[in-house]
Amino acid sequence: MKPTLLILAAGMASRYGSMKQTDGFGPNGETIIDYSISDAIKAGFGKVVFIIKEEFLDNFKSIFEPKLAGKVETDYVFQTFDLQKYGIDKEIERAKPWGTGHAILEAKNQVHEPFCVINADDYYGYEAFKNMATFLTSEAAENKYSIVGYKIGNTLSENGSVSRGVCQTDDKGNMSEIDERTKVYSKNGGIVFEENDKEFPLDASTPVSMNFWGFTPHVFPTIEELFVEFVKNNENDPKAEFFIPLIADHLIKHNIATFKVIPTDAKWFGVTYKEDKPIVQASIDKLVSSGEYPNNLWN
């Protein structure tokens, strides 16, 4: 059974100022999602599921369906504010959806095979998709999940500090915990993170999470249980978000599942601010001129 790719694309792009998920970065207006899907198809994924807001549907279909027809199966999942389907008899006013963990949960009726989850606005590289596809087809089980661990030195921004989830691993290469480092940057040829106004060094090869996770459908009941609990505890906080690391943390700490940290040497890049666009375009131009991708991705 071929694995499925879930693309998290329901975010509002508030800092970027427009629909960055469908903004063009490649030589022929290719989006970052185009490169991810192309890599996923090449790596052996059989289906792509876009998790979006319902009002994005026509826009997404008009952009992606003509390119992907006959190449890969596609499906669409709406991330909504409806809590009734999870047995929560309440309407809670919020400006933003409930977060990345909730986004996965919304796909529970459409995903029946091992799957991975990525961000729509991040470039991950073919090697990461290949390694994840291998894991999902040969190792994944109801108690064996994974995360792609990028070397932190391959994920920094030229525009200042970044937040990164630093993965601690055990002697089997499984994640024991994720430590959120909110201020990581390059300094004097090395990498440091700041905490309480002090700087601490980080090795450039330290694995970090860039939100590239591998699961099987067995995870859905646990996610639902955790989400219902999360809503109960955070119904009065309109900014609280149910993130994927909360799920992973629960599964690891309760010995329900392990998360293999899949290493990659791929260089990650992403777009958060408008100022990032020329840097991302230059990075893609470089990949095209080195022959990693054709000039026209879908021709």
C-alpha atoms as a PDB file:
ATOM      1  CA  MET A   1       0.000   0.000   0.000  1.00  0.00           C
ATOM      2  CA  LYS A   2       1.438   3.348  -1.032  1.00  0.00           C
ATOM      3  CA  PRO A   3       1.679   5.957   1.740  1.00  0.00           C
ATOM      4  CA  THR A   4      -0.280   9.222   1.743  1.00  0.00           C
ATOM      5  CA  LEU A   5       1.044  12.776   2.025  1.00  0.00           C
ATOM      6  CA  LEU A   6      -0.945  15.191   4.226  1.00  0.00           C
ATOM      7  CA  ILE A   7      -0.201  18.860   3.515  1.00  0.00           C
ATOM      8  CA  LEU A   8      -1.055  21.368   6.251  1.00  0.00           C
ATOM      9  CA  ALA A   9      -2.339  24.378   4.317  1.00  0.00           C
ATOM     10  CA  ALA A  10      -5.142  25.867   6.434  1.00  0.00           C
ATOM     11  CA  GLY A  11      -3.003  28.563   8.106  1.00  0.00           C
ATOM     12  CA  MET A  12      -4.012  32.149   7.534  1.00  0.00           C
ATOM     13  CA  ALA A  13      -0.589  33.430   6.438  1.00  0.00           C
ATOM     14  CA  SER A  14      -1.025  36.403   8.755  1.00  0.00           C
ATOM     15  CA  ARG A  15       2.645  37.419   8.931  1.00  0.00           C
ATOM     16  CA  TYR A  16       3.272  36.835   5.232  1.00  0.00           C
ATOM     17  CA  GLY A  17       0.359  39.021   4.155  1.00  0.00           C
ATOM     18  CA  SER A  18      -1.113  36.810   1.423  1.00  0.00           C
ATOM     19  CA  MET A  19      -1.789  33.189   0.494  1.00  0.00           C
ATOM     20  CA  LYS A  20       1.842  32.050   0.621  1.00  0.00           C
ATOM     21  CA  GLN A  21       0.729  28.432   0.167  1.00  0.00           C
ATOM     22  CA  THR A  22      -0.173  29.210  -3.452  1.00  0.00           C
ATOM     23  CA  ASP A  23       2.453  31.888  -4.163  1.00  0.00           C
ATOM     24  CA  GLY A  24       4.834  31.166  -7.052  1.00  0.00           C
ATOM     25  CA  PHE A  25       8.565  30.609  -6.376  1.00  0.00           C
ATOM     26  CA  GLY A  26       9.831  28.436  -9.268  1.00  0.00           C
ATOM     27  CA  PRO A  27      10.824  29.514 -12.818  1.00  0.00           C
ATOM     28  CA  ASN A  28       7.256  28.872 -14.069  1.00  0.00           C
ATOM     29  CA  GLY A  29       5.401  30.049 -10.993  1.00  0.00           C
ATOM     30  CA  GLU A  30       5.729  26.694  -9.171  1.00  0.00           C
ATOM     31  CA  THR A  31       4.690  26.835  -5.517  1.00  0.00           C
ATOM     32  CA  ILE A  32       6.711  25.257  -2.696  1.00  0.00           C
ATOM     33  CA  ILE A  33       3.897  22.668  -2.487  1.00  0.00           C
ATOM     34  CA  ASP A  34       4.565  21.715  -6.133  1.00  0.00           C
ATOM     35  CA  TYR A  35       8.139  20.731  -5.286  1.00  0.00           C
ATOM     36  CA  SER A  36       7.004  18.754  -2.226  1.00  0.00           C
ATOM     37  CA  ILE A  37       4.385  16.857  -4.253  1.00  0.00           C
ATOM     38  CA  SER A  38       6.835  16.187  -7.089  1.00  0.00           C
ATOM     39  CA  ASP A  39       9.355  14.767  -4.574  1.00  0.00           C
ATOM     40  CA  ALA A  40       6.621  12.716  -2.871  1.00  0.00           C
ATOM     41  CA  ILE A  41       5.424  11.159  -6.166  1.00  0.00           C
ATOM     42  CA  LYS A  42       9.028  10.308  -7.092  1.00  0.00           C
ATOM     43  CA  ALA A  43       9.518   8.765  -3.607  1.00  0.00           C
ATOM     44  CA  GLY A  44       6.467   6.494  -4.059  1.00  0.00           C
ATOM     45  CA  PHE A  45       3.545   8.264  -2.340  1.00  0.00           C
ATOM     46  CA  GLY A  46       0.169   7.355  -3.843  1.00  0.00           C
ATOM     47  CA  LYS A  47      -2.139  10.094  -2.577  1.00  0.00           C
ATOM     48  CA  VAL A  48      -1.969  13.762  -1.595  1.00  0.00           C
ATOM     49  CA  VAL A  49      -4.469  15.190   0.893  1.00  0.00           C
ATOM     50  CA  PHE A  50      -4.652  18.973   1.237  1.00  0.00           C
ATOM     51  CA  ILE A  51      -5.865  20.171   4.643  1.00  0.00           C
ATOM     52  CA  ILE A  52      -7.341  23.597   3.964  1.00  0.00           C
ATOM     53  CA  LYS A  53     -10.077  26.025   4.937  1.00  0.00           C
ATOM     54  CA  GLU A  54     -13.202  25.419   2.901  1.00  0.00           C
ATOM     55  CA  GLU A  55     -13.001  28.859   1.281  1.00  0.00           C
ATOM     56  CA  PHE A  56      -9.583  27.917  -0.230  1.00  0.00           C
ATOM     57  CA  LEU A  57     -11.035  24.945  -2.138  1.00  0.00           C
ATOM     58  CA  ASP A  58     -11.700  26.502  -5.560  1.00  0.00           C
ATOM     59  CA  ASN A  59      -8.332  28.276  -5.502  1.00  0.00           C
ATOM     60  CA  PHE A  60      -6.436  25.072  -4.628  1.00  0.00           C
ATOM     61  CA  LYS A  61      -8.308  22.949  -7.149  1.00  0.00           C
ATOM     62  CA  SER A  62      -7.704  25.421  -9.979  1.00  0.00           C
ATOM     63  CA  ILE A  63      -3.970  25.518  -9.171  1.00  0.00           C
ATOM     64  CA  PHE A  64      -3.235  21.847  -8.460  1.00  0.00           C
ATOM     65  CA  GLU A  65      -5.786  19.654 -10.262  1.00  0.00           C
ATOM     66  CA  PRO A  66      -4.632  20.423 -13.843  1.00  0.00           C
ATOM     67  CA  LYS A  67      -1.003  19.627 -12.890  1.00  0.00           C
ATOM     68  CA  LEU A  68      -1.660  16.501 -10.839  1.00  0.00           C
ATOM     69  CA  ALA A  69      -4.382  14.766 -12.883  1.00  0.00           C
ATOM     70  CA  GLY A  70      -3.178  11.273 -13.791  1.00  0.00           C
ATOM     71  CA  LYS A  71      -0.027  11.614 -11.663  1.00  0.00           C
ATOM     72  CA  VAL A  72      -1.337  11.130  -8.125  1.00  0.00           C
ATOM     73  CA  GLU A  73      -4.673  10.792  -6.330  1.00  0.00           C
ATOM     74  CA  THR A  74      -5.817  13.991  -4.579  1.00  0.00           C
ATOM     75  CA  ASP A  75      -8.270  14.729  -1.791  1.00  0.00           C
ATOM     76  CA  TYR A  76      -9.281  17.748   0.291  1.00  0.00           C
ATOM     77  CA  VAL A  77     -10.019  18.000   4.006  1.00  0.00           C
ATOM     78  CA  PHE A  78     -11.483  21.113   5.611  1.00  0.00           C
ATOM     79  CA  GLN A  79     -10.151  22.291   8.957  1.00  0.00           C
ATOM     80  CA  THR A  80     -13.223  23.815  10.598  1.00  0.00           C
ATOM     81  CA  PHE A  81     -14.387  25.119  13.971  1.00  0.00           C
ATOM     82  CA  ASP A  82     -17.025  22.376  14.274  1.00  0.00           C
ATOM     83  CA  LEU A  83     -16.498  20.532  17.567  1.00  0.00           C
ATOM     84  CA  GLN A  84     -19.773  18.561  17.483  1.00  0.00           C
ATOM     85  CA  LYS A  85     -18.181  15.752  15.453  1.00  0.00           C
ATOM     86  CA  TYR A  86     -15.825  15.113  18.388  1.00  0.00           C
ATOM     87  CA  GLY A  87     -18.681  14.954  20.880  1.00  0.00           C
ATOM     88  CA  ILE A  88     -18.072  18.496  22.168  1.00  0.00           C
ATOM     89  CA  ASP A  89     -21.447  20.197  22.437  1.00  0.00           C
ATOM     90  CA  LYS A  90     -20.122  23.767  22.297  1.00  0.00           C
ATOM     91  CA  GLU A  91     -19.350  26.576  19.918  1.00  0.00           C
ATOM     92  CA  ILE A  92     -16.092  28.276  20.835  1.00  0.00           C
ATOM     93  CA  GLU A  93     -15.281  31.610  19.190  1.00  0.00           C
ATOM     94  CA  ARG A  94     -11.799  31.659  17.651  1.00  0.00           C
ATOM     95  CA  ALA A  95     -10.000  33.614  14.939  1.00  0.00           C
ATOM     96  CA  LYS A  96      -7.601  30.783  13.974  1.00  0.00           C
ATOM     97  CA  PRO A  97      -8.042  27.009  13.647  1.00  0.00           C
ATOM     98  CA  TRP A  98      -7.093  24.717  16.556  1.00  0.00           C
ATOM     99  CA  GLY A  99      -3.536  23.938  15.362  1.00  0.00           C
ATOM    100  CA  THR A 100      -1.569  21.272  13.507  1.00  0.00           C
ATOM    101  CA  GLY A 101      -2.625  18.319  15.708  1.00  0.00           C
ATOM    102  CA  HIS A 102      -6.283  19.169  15.116  1.00  0.00           C
ATOM    103  CA  ALA A 103      -5.581  19.496  11.366  1.00  0.00           C
ATOM    104  CA  ILE A 104      -4.401  15.850  11.244  1.00  0.00           C
ATOM    105  CA  LEU A 105      -7.474  14.750  13.185  1.00  0.00           C
ATOM    106  CA  GLU A 106      -9.754  16.358  10.585  1.00  0.00           C
ATOM    107  CA  ALA A 107      -8.395  13.812   8.036  1.00  0.00           C
ATOM    108  CA  LYS A 108      -9.306  10.729  10.087  1.00  0.00           C
ATOM    109  CA  ASN A 109     -12.147   9.642   7.764  1.00  0.00           C
ATOM    110  CA  GLN A 110     -10.125  10.070   4.571  1.00  0.00           C
ATOM    111  CA  VAL A 111      -6.781   8.489   5.468  1.00  0.00           C
ATOM    112  CA  HIS A 112      -6.616   4.686   5.804  1.00  0.00           C
ATOM    113  CA  GLU A 113      -2.943   4.010   5.076  1.00  0.00           C
ATOM    114  CA  PRO A 114       0.413   5.013   6.639  1.00  0.00           C
ATOM    115  CA  PHE A 115       0.838   8.755   6.122  1.00  0.00           C
ATOM    116  CA  CYS A 116       3.184  11.648   6.678  1.00  0.00           C
ATOM    117  CA  VAL A 117       2.448  15.265   7.507  1.00  0.00           C
ATOM    118  CA  ILE A 118       4.276  18.345   6.211  1.00  0.00           C
ATOM    119  CA  ASN A 119       3.850  22.133   6.209  1.00  0.00           C
ATOM    120  CA  ALA A 120       2.653  23.711   2.956  1.00  0.00           C
ATOM    121  CA  ASP A 121       5.179  26.542   3.075  1.00  0.00           C
ATOM    122  CA  ASP A 122       8.365  24.545   3.779  1.00  0.00           C
ATOM    123  CA  TYR A 123      10.798  23.014   1.280  1.00  0.00           C
ATOM    124  CA  TYR A 124      12.039  19.634   2.550  1.00  0.00           C
ATOM    125  CA  GLY A 125      14.057  18.051  -0.282  1.00  0.00           C
ATOM    126  CA  TYR A 126      13.674  14.699  -2.097  1.00  0.00           C
ATOM    127  CA  GLU A 127      15.901  12.705   0.277  1.00  0.00           C
ATOM    128  CA  ALA A 128      13.549  13.374   3.198  1.00  0.00           C
ATOM    129  CA  PHE A 129      10.510  12.104   1.237  1.00  0.00           C
ATOM    130  CA  LYS A 130      12.421   9.021   0.056  1.00  0.00           C
ATOM    131  CA  ASN A 131      13.539   8.152   3.606  1.00  0.00           C
ATOM    132  CA  MET A 132      10.030   8.741   4.968  1.00  0.00           C
ATOM    133  CA  ALA A 133       8.412   6.603   2.222  1.00  0.00           C
ATOM    134  CA  THR A 134      10.820   3.768   3.055  1.00  0.00           C
ATOM    135  CA  PHE A 135       9.915   4.018   6.748  1.00  0.00           C
ATOM    136  CA  LEU A 136       6.149   4.138   6.086  1.00  0.00           C
ATOM    137  CA  THR A 137       6.201   1.124   3.761  1.00  0.00           C
ATOM    138  CA  SER A 138       8.612  -1.099   5.690  1.00  0.00           C
ATOM    139  CA  GLU A 139       8.733  -0.097   9.380  1.00  0.00           C
ATOM    140  CA  ALA A 140       5.674   1.911  10.430  1.00  0.00           C
ATOM    141  CA  ALA A 141       3.282   0.174  12.829  1.00  0.00           C
ATOM    142  CA  GLU A 142       0.680   1.184  15.403  1.00  0.00           C
ATOM    143  CA  ASN A 143       3.480   1.658  17.954  1.00  0.00           C
ATOM    144  CA  LYS A 144       6.203   2.847  15.544  1.00  0.00           C
ATOM    145  CA  TYR A 145       6.090   6.364  14.160  1.00  0.00           C
ATOM    146  CA  SER A 146       8.751   8.751  12.903  1.00  0.00           C
ATOM    147  CA  ILE A 147       9.967  12.274  12.433  1.00  0.00           C
ATOM    148  CA  VAL A 148      12.526  13.607   9.933  1.00  0.00           C
ATOM    149  CA  GLY A 149      15.404  15.148  11.883  1.00  0.00           C
ATOM    150  CA  TYR A 150      17.049  18.008   9.985  1.00  0.00           C
ATOM    151  CA  LYS A 151      20.535  19.134  10.996  1.00  0.00           C
ATOM    152  CA  ILE A 152      19.973  22.473  12.677  1.00  0.00           C
ATOM    153  CA  GLY A 153      22.776  24.017  10.620  1.00  0.00           C
ATOM    154  CA  ASN A 154      20.699  23.308   7.474  1.00  0.00           C
ATOM    155  CA  THR A 155      17.615  25.140   8.773  1.00  0.00           C
ATOM    156  CA  LEU A 156      18.741  28.600   9.912  1.00  0.00           C
ATOM    157  CA  SER A 157      17.485  31.874   8.463  1.00  0.00           C
ATOM    158  CA  GLU A 158      19.601  34.733   7.150  1.00  0.00           C
ATOM    159  CA  ASN A 159      16.969  37.107   8.539  1.00  0.00           C
ATOM    160  CA  GLY A 160      17.601  36.628  12.260  1.00  0.00           C
ATOM    161  CA  SER A 161      16.776  34.101  14.948  1.00  0.00           C
ATOM    162  CA  VAL A 162      14.410  31.138  14.555  1.00  0.00           C
ATOM    163  CA  SER A 163      12.487  28.760  16.840  1.00  0.00           C
ATOM    164  CA  ARG A 164      13.389  25.098  16.539  1.00  0.00           C
ATOM    165  CA  GLY A 165      12.232  21.903  18.228  1.00  0.00           C
ATOM    166  CA  VAL A 166      15.493  20.219  19.211  1.00  0.00           C
ATOM    167  CA  CYS A 167      15.109  16.404  19.208  1.00  0.00           C
ATOM    168  CA  GLN A 168      16.731  14.457  22.039  1.00  0.00           C
ATOM    169  CA  THR A 169      17.332  10.818  21.008  1.00  0.00           C
ATOM    170  CA  ASP A 170      17.974   7.575  22.875  1.00  0.00           C
ATOM    171  CA  ASP A 171      20.617   4.969  21.979  1.00  0.00           C
ATOM    172  CA  LYS A 172      18.256   3.368  19.423  1.00  0.00           C
ATOM    173  CA  GLY A 173      17.824   6.626  17.484  1.00  0.00           C
ATOM    174  CA  ASN A 174      14.283   7.180  18.775  1.00  0.00           C
ATOM    175  CA  MET A 175      13.134  10.554  20.033  1.00  0.00           C
ATOM    176  CA  SER A 176      12.993  10.852  23.821  1.00  0.00           C
ATOM    177  CA  GLU A 177      11.725  14.454  23.835  1.00  0.00           C
ATOM    178  CA  ILE A 178      11.535  17.712  21.899  1.00  0.00           C
ATOM    179  CA  ASP A 179      12.913  20.879  23.516  1.00  0.00           C
ATOM    180  CA  GLU A 180      11.509  24.057  22.000  1.00  0.00           C
ATOM    181  CA  ARG A 181      14.359  26.562  21.575  1.00  0.00           C
ATOM    182  CA  THR A 182      12.757  29.885  20.741  1.00  0.00           C
ATOM    183  CA  LYS A 183      15.859  31.916  19.806  1.00  0.00           C
ATOM    184  CA  VAL A 184      18.440  30.080  17.688  1.00  0.00           C
ATOM    185  CA  TYR A 185      20.943  31.883  15.446  1.00  0.00           C
ATOM    186  CA  SER A 186      24.419  31.783  13.900  1.00  0.00           C
ATOM    187  CA  LYS A 187      27.217  33.552  15.751  1.00  0.00           C
ATOM    188  CA  ASN A 188      30.962  33.693  15.045  1.00  0.00           C
ATOM    189  CA  GLY A 189      30.839  30.665  12.753  1.00  0.00           C
ATOM    190  CA  GLY A 190      28.873  28.582  15.253  1.00  0.00           C
ATOM    191  CA  ILE A 191      25.234  28.165  16.358  1.00  0.00           C
ATOM    192  CA  VAL A 192      23.789  29.271  19.702  1.00  0.00           C
ATOM    193  CA  PHE A 193      20.411  29.392  21.389  1.00  0.00           C
ATOM    194  CA  GLU A 194      19.381  31.976  23.962  1.00  0.00           C
ATOM    195  CA  GLU A 195      17.633  31.239  27.227  1.00  0.00           C
ATOM    196  CA  ASN A 196      17.167  33.690  30.124  1.00  0.00           C
ATOM    197  CA  ASP A 197      19.556  36.127  28.385  1.00  0.00           C
ATOM    198  CA  LYS A 198      22.347  33.529  28.278  1.00  0.00           C
ATOM    199  CA  GLU A 199      23.799  31.899  25.167  1.00  0.00           C
ATOM    200  CA  PHE A 200      24.358  28.138  24.860  1.00  0.00           C
ATOM    201  CA  PRO A 201      26.179  26.437  21.957  1.00  0.00           C
ATOM    202  CA  LEU A 202      24.444  23.955  19.642  1.00  0.00           C
ATOM    203  CA  ASP A 203      26.253  21.530  17.366  1.00  0.00           C
ATOM    204  CA  ALA A 204      25.386  22.155  13.677  1.00  0.00           C
ATOM    205  CA  SER A 205      24.389  18.488  13.256  1.00  0.00           C
ATOM    206  CA  THR A 206      21.854  18.522  16.144  1.00  0.00           C
ATOM    207  CA  PRO A 207      18.553  17.055  14.790  1.00  0.00           C
ATOM    208  CA  VAL A 208      15.534  19.370  14.828  1.00  0.00           C
ATOM    209  CA  SER A 209      11.886  18.967  13.864  1.00  0.00           C
ATOM    210  CA  MET A 210      10.618  20.867  10.837  1.00  0.00           C
ATOM    211  CA  ASN A 211       7.117  19.363  11.183  1.00  0.00           C
ATOM    212  CA  PHE A 212       7.678  16.315   8.962  1.00  0.00           C
ATOM    213  CA  TRP A 213       6.019  13.413  10.817  1.00  0.00           C
ATOM    214  CA  GLY A 214       5.140   9.806   9.930  1.00  0.00           C
ATOM    215  CA  PHE A 215       2.119   7.953  11.400  1.00  0.00           C
ATOM    216  CA  THR A 216      -0.340   5.134  10.778  1.00  0.00           C
ATOM    217  CA  PRO A 217      -4.145   5.562  11.093  1.00  0.00           C
ATOM    218  CA  HIS A 218      -3.941   3.854  14.519  1.00  0.00           C
ATOM    219  CA  VAL A 219      -2.973   7.263  15.904  1.00  0.00           C
ATOM    220  CA  PHE A 220      -6.380   8.901  15.226  1.00  0.00           C
ATOM    221  CA  PRO A 221      -8.280   7.682  18.356  1.00  0.00           C
ATOM    222  CA  THR A 222      -5.440   8.918  20.602  1.00  0.00           C
ATOM    223  CA  ILE A 223      -5.343  12.297  18.840  1.00  0.00           C
ATOM    224  CA  GLU A 224      -9.112  12.634  19.251  1.00  0.00           C
ATOM    225  CA  GLU A 225      -8.922  11.801  22.955  1.00  0.00           C
ATOM    226  CA  LEU A 226      -6.111  14.323  23.511  1.00  0.00           C
ATOM    227  CA  PHE A 227      -7.874  16.998  21.447  1.00  0.00           C
ATOM    228  CA  VAL A 228     -11.146  16.694  23.401  1.00  0.00           C
ATOM    229  CA  GLU A 229      -9.147  17.066  26.633  1.00  0.00           C
ATOM    230  CA  PHE A 230      -7.207  20.025  25.169  1.00  0.00           C
ATOM    231  CA  VAL A 231     -10.423  21.861  24.219  1.00  0.00           C
ATOM    232  CA  LYS A 232     -11.823  21.303  27.696  1.00  0.00           C
ATOM    233  CA  ASN A 233      -8.685  22.798  29.274  1.00  0.00           C
ATOM    234  CA  ASN A 234      -8.333  25.700  26.816  1.00  0.00           C
ATOM    235  CA  GLU A 235     -11.874  26.738  25.855  1.00  0.00           C
ATOM    236  CA  ASN A 236     -11.307  30.223  27.301  1.00  0.00           C
ATOM    237  CA  ASP A 237      -7.989  30.789  25.544  1.00  0.00           C
ATOM    238  CA  PRO A 238      -8.732  31.782  21.916  1.00  0.00           C
ATOM    239  CA  LYS A 239      -5.042  31.529  20.988  1.00  0.00           C
ATOM    240  CA  ALA A 240      -4.334  28.044  22.395  1.00  0.00           C
ATOM    241  CA  GLU A 241      -3.257  25.606  19.669  1.00  0.00           C
ATOM    242  CA  PHE A 242      -3.134  21.818  19.712  1.00  0.00           C
ATOM    243  CA  PHE A 243       0.242  21.096  18.117  1.00  0.00           C
ATOM    244  CA  ILE A 244       1.646  17.777  16.824  1.00  0.00           C
ATOM    245  CA  PRO A 245       4.516  17.680  19.395  1.00  0.00           C
ATOM    246  CA  LEU A 246       1.868  17.481  22.168  1.00  0.00           C
ATOM    247  CA  ILE A 247       0.680  14.219  20.578  1.00  0.00           C
ATOM    248  CA  ALA A 248       4.220  12.864  20.192  1.00  0.00           C
ATOM    249  CA  ASP A 249       5.102  13.818  23.758  1.00  0.00           C
ATOM    250  CA  HIS A 250       2.058  11.943  25.103  1.00  0.00           C
ATOM    251  CA  LEU A 251       2.756   8.814  23.028  1.00  0.00           C
ATOM    252  CA  ILE A 252       6.423   8.697  24.075  1.00  0.00           C
ATOM    253  CA  LYS A 253       5.876   9.443  27.774  1.00  0.00           C
ATOM    254  CA  HIS A 254       3.130   6.819  28.089  1.00  0.00           C
ATOM    255  CA  ASN A 255       5.167   4.201  26.171  1.00  0.00           C
ATOM    256  CA  ILE A 256       2.399   3.952  23.544  1.00  0.00           C
ATOM    257  CA  ALA A 257       4.668   4.514  20.528  1.00  0.00           C
ATOM    258  CA  THR A 258       8.239   5.307  19.535  1.00  0.00           C
ATOM    259  CA  PHE A 259       9.308   7.996  17.057  1.00  0.00           C
ATOM    260  CA  LYS A 260      12.310   7.067  14.939  1.00  0.00           C
ATOM    261  CA  VAL A 261      14.355  10.168  14.097  1.00  0.00           C
ATOM    262  CA  ILE A 262      15.030   9.761  10.355  1.00  0.00           C
ATOM    263  CA  PRO A 263      18.238  11.635   9.520  1.00  0.00           C
ATOM    264  CA  THR A 264      18.598  13.786   6.427  1.00  0.00           C
ATOM    265  CA  ASP A 265      21.345  15.972   4.987  1.00  0.00           C
ATOM    266  CA  ALA A 266      18.762  17.941   2.994  1.00  0.00           C
ATOM    267  CA  LYS A 267      18.774  21.703   3.300  1.00  0.00           C
ATOM    268  CA  TRP A 268      15.416  22.977   4.543  1.00  0.00           C
ATOM    269  CA  PHE A 269      14.083  26.395   3.646  1.00  0.00           C
ATOM    270  CA  GLY A 270      10.757  28.029   4.303  1.00  0.00           C
ATOM    271  CA  VAL A 271       8.880  31.251   3.915  1.00  0.00           C
ATOM    272  CA  THR A 272       7.525  33.080   6.925  1.00  0.00           C
ATOM    273  CA  TYR A 273       7.885  36.731   5.916  1.00  0.00           C
ATOM    274  CA  LYS A 274       7.616  38.561   2.573  1.00  0.00           C
ATOM    275  CA  GLU A 275      11.371  39.234   2.849  1.00  0.00           C
ATOM    276  CA  ASP A 276      12.038  35.485   2.618  1.00  0.00           C
ATOM    277  CA  LYS A 277      10.605  35.226  -0.901  1.00  0.00           C
ATOM    278  CA  PRO A 278      13.734  36.250  -2.899  1.00  0.00           C
ATOM    279  CA  ILE A 279      15.908  33.898  -0.793  1.00  0.00           C
ATOM    280  CA  VAL A 280      13.549  30.971  -1.457  1.00  0.00           C
ATOM    281  CA  GLN A 281      13.393  31.833  -5.173  1.00  0.00           C
ATOM    282  CA  ALA A 282      17.209  31.913  -5.353  1.00  0.00           C
ATOM    283  CA  SER A 283      17.423  28.546  -3.539  1.00  0.00           C
ATOM    284  CA  ILE A 284      14.992  26.970  -6.021  1.00  0.00           C
ATOM    285  CA  ASP A 285      16.812  28.526  -9.002  1.00  0.00           C
ATOM    286  CA  LYS A 286      20.001  26.889  -7.721  1.00  0.00           C
ATOM    287  CA  LEU A 287      18.287  23.466  -7.460  1.00  0.00           C
ATOM    288  CA  VAL A 288      16.929  23.863 -11.016  1.00  0.00           C
ATOM    289  CA  SER A 289      20.293  24.903 -12.476  1.00  0.00           C
ATOM    290  CA  SER A 290      22.046  21.981 -10.719  1.00  0.00           C
ATOM    291  CA  GLY A 291      19.568  19.579 -12.378  1.00  0.00           C
ATOM    292  CA  GLU A 292      17.714  18.591  -9.209  1.00  0.00           C
ATOM    293  CA  TYR A 293      14.438  19.704 -10.889  1.00  0.00           C
ATOM    294  CA  PRO A 294      13.499  20.434 -14.498  1.00  0.00           C
ATOM    295  CA  ASN A 295      12.955  24.043 -15.496  1.00  0.00           C
ATOM    296  CA  ASN A 296       9.248  23.338 -15.950  1.00  0.00           C
ATOM    297  CA  LEU A 297       8.339  20.987 -13.091  1.00  0.00           C
ATOM    298  CA  TRP A 298       5.168  19.445 -14.546  1.00  0.00           C
ATOM    299  CA  ASN A 299       6.088  19.295 -18.236  1.00  0.00           C
END
